[in-house]
C-alpha atoms as a PDB file:
ATOM      1  CA  MET A   1       2.582  -4.318 -16.967  1.00  0.00           C
ATOM      2  CA  ASP A   2       6.054  -3.862 -15.739  1.00  0.00           C
ATOM      3  CA  TYR A   3       7.112  -3.584 -12.178  1.00  0.00           C
ATOM      4  CA  ALA A   4       9.720  -2.195 -10.107  1.00  0.00           C
ATOM      5  CA  GLN A   5      10.191  -3.005  -6.399  1.00  0.00           C
ATOM      6  CA  LYS A   6      10.153  -0.508  -3.342  1.00  0.00           C
ATOM      7  CA  ASN A   7      10.389  -1.507   0.172  1.00  0.00           C
ATOM      8  CA  LEU A   8       7.843   0.013   2.487  1.00  0.00           C
ATOM      9  CA  LEU A   9       8.586   0.428   6.172  1.00  0.00           C
ATOM     10  CA  CYS A  10       5.838  -0.200   8.930  1.00  0.00           C
ATOM     11  CA  THR A  11       6.822   1.353  12.187  1.00  0.00           C
ATOM     12  CA  ASP A  12       4.133  -0.002  14.689  1.00  0.00           C
ATOM     13  CA  ASP A  13       5.063  -2.820  17.306  1.00  0.00           C
ATOM     14  CA  GLU A  14       2.137  -5.031  16.631  1.00  0.00           C
ATOM     15  CA  TYR A  15       2.196  -6.683  13.162  1.00  0.00           C
ATOM     16  CA  ASP A  16      -1.665  -7.377  12.579  1.00  0.00           C
ATOM     17  CA  GLY A  17      -4.128  -6.482   9.933  1.00  0.00           C
ATOM     18  CA  THR A  18      -3.968  -5.791   6.167  1.00  0.00           C
ATOM     19  CA  ILE A  19      -1.825  -3.618   4.403  1.00  0.00           C
ATOM     20  CA  ILE A  20      -3.348  -2.315   1.190  1.00  0.00           C
ATOM     21  CA  VAL A  21      -0.837  -0.687  -1.370  1.00  0.00           C
ATOM     22  CA  ALA A  22      -2.938   1.041  -4.183  1.00  0.00           C
ATOM     23  CA  PHE A  23      -1.227   2.707  -7.183  1.00  0.00           C
ATOM     24  CA  TYR A  24      -3.000   5.844  -8.870  1.00  0.00           C
ATOM     25  CA  GLU A  25      -2.611   7.694 -11.851  1.00  0.00           C
ATOM     26  CA  SER A  26      -2.201  11.738 -11.841  1.00  0.00           C
ATOM     27  CA  ASN A  27      -6.200  12.124 -12.612  1.00  0.00           C
ATOM     28  CA  GLY A  28      -6.744   9.793  -9.445  1.00  0.00           C
ATOM     29  CA  LYS A  29      -7.616   6.648 -11.215  1.00  0.00           C
ATOM     30  CA  LEU A  30      -6.574   3.473  -9.204  1.00  0.00           C
ATOM     31  CA  VAL A  31      -4.001   1.657 -11.651  1.00  0.00           C
ATOM     32  CA  ASP A  32      -3.557  -1.381  -9.472  1.00  0.00           C
ATOM     33  CA  ALA A  33      -3.952  -2.591  -5.745  1.00  0.00           C
ATOM     34  CA  LYS A  34      -1.836  -5.446  -3.663  1.00  0.00           C
ATOM     35  CA  THR A  35      -2.567  -6.637  -0.318  1.00  0.00           C
ATOM     36  CA  TYR A  36       0.221  -7.478   2.041  1.00  0.00           C
ATOM     37  CA  GLN A  37       0.421  -9.129   5.456  1.00  0.00           C
ATOM     38  CA  PRO A  38       2.254  -6.638   7.979  1.00  0.00           C
ATOM     39  CA  GLN A  39       5.877  -7.057   8.329  1.00  0.00           C
ATOM     40  CA  ALA A  40       8.742  -4.574   9.212  1.00  0.00           C
ATOM     41  CA  THR A  41       9.514  -4.176   5.333  1.00  0.00           C
ATOM     42  CA  ILE A  42       7.026  -4.968   2.403  1.00  0.00           C
ATOM     43  CA  PRO A  43       8.444  -5.578  -1.012  1.00  0.00           C
ATOM     44  CA  ALA A  44       5.866  -3.713  -3.063  1.00  0.00           C
ATOM     45  CA  GLU A  45       5.882  -4.017  -6.813  1.00  0.00           C
ATOM     46  CA  LEU A  46       5.188  -0.831  -8.602  1.00  0.00           C
ATOM     47  CA  PRO A  47       3.614  -0.571 -12.019  1.00  0.00           C
ATOM     48  CA  ASP A  48       5.282   1.588 -14.529  1.00  0.00           C
ATOM     49  CA  SER A  49       2.102   3.701 -14.732  1.00  0.00           C
ATOM     50  CA  TYR A  50       1.317   5.228 -11.535  1.00  0.00           C
ATOM     51  CA  THR A  51       1.995   8.659 -10.045  1.00  0.00           C
ATOM     52  CA  TYR A  52       1.336   8.168  -6.509  1.00  0.00           C
ATOM     53  CA  THR A  53       0.825   5.183  -4.292  1.00  0.00           C
ATOM     54  CA  LYS A  54      -1.414   5.246  -1.212  1.00  0.00           C
ATOM     55  CA  VAL A  55      -0.819   2.718   1.807  1.00  0.00           C
ATOM     56  CA  PHE A  56      -3.295   1.754   3.953  1.00  0.00           C
ATOM     57  CA  TRP A  57      -3.364  -0.349   7.075  1.00  0.00           C
ATOM     58  CA  TRP A  58      -6.740  -2.041   7.515  1.00  0.00           C
ATOM     59  CA  GLU A  59      -7.812  -4.449  10.513  1.00  0.00           C
ATOM     60  CA  ASN A  60      -8.875  -6.872   8.077  1.00  0.00           C
ATOM     61  CA  LEU A  61     -10.632  -6.754   4.342  1.00  0.00           C
ATOM     62  CA  ASP A  62     -14.079  -7.783   6.197  1.00  0.00           C
ATOM     63  CA  THR A  63     -14.295  -4.859   8.731  1.00  0.00           C
ATOM     64  CA  LEU A  64     -12.528  -2.319   6.318  1.00  0.00           C
ATOM     65  CA  ARG A  65     -11.651  -0.487  10.015  1.00  0.00           C
ATOM     66  CA  THR A  66      -8.330   1.522   9.231  1.00  0.00           C
ATOM     67  CA  LEU A  67      -5.640   1.136  12.045  1.00  0.00           C
ATOM     68  CA  CYS A  68      -3.705   4.111  11.154  1.00  0.00           C
ATOM     69  CA  ASP A  69      -4.124   7.272   8.881  1.00  0.00           C
ATOM     70  CA  ALA A  70      -3.281   6.155   4.779  1.00  0.00           C
ATOM     71  CA  VAL A  71       0.182   7.337   3.583  1.00  0.00           C
ATOM     72  CA  THR A  72       0.716   9.237   0.226  1.00  0.00           C
ATOM     73  CA  ILE A  73       4.117   8.209  -1.521  1.00  0.00           C
ATOM     74  CA  ASN A  74       4.865  10.429  -4.545  1.00  0.00           C
ATOM     75  CA  LYS A  75       6.773   8.517  -7.423  1.00  0.00           C
END
């Protein structure tokens, strides 16, 4: 799978938790997902076959508690 790279910006002052970047096809099928440690800029690798991306900020992968609303980014 070929990947491009895009920087995603986080705007919260407290960088705790886990960032999940999920990539979807136009029919809603999940193409790929990656986890990142929170930081001011996240260098997300983008698969060629995605149509849109959802970025989630969770407390951790055990509790799955969201820290903010998910953001959708169209290609």
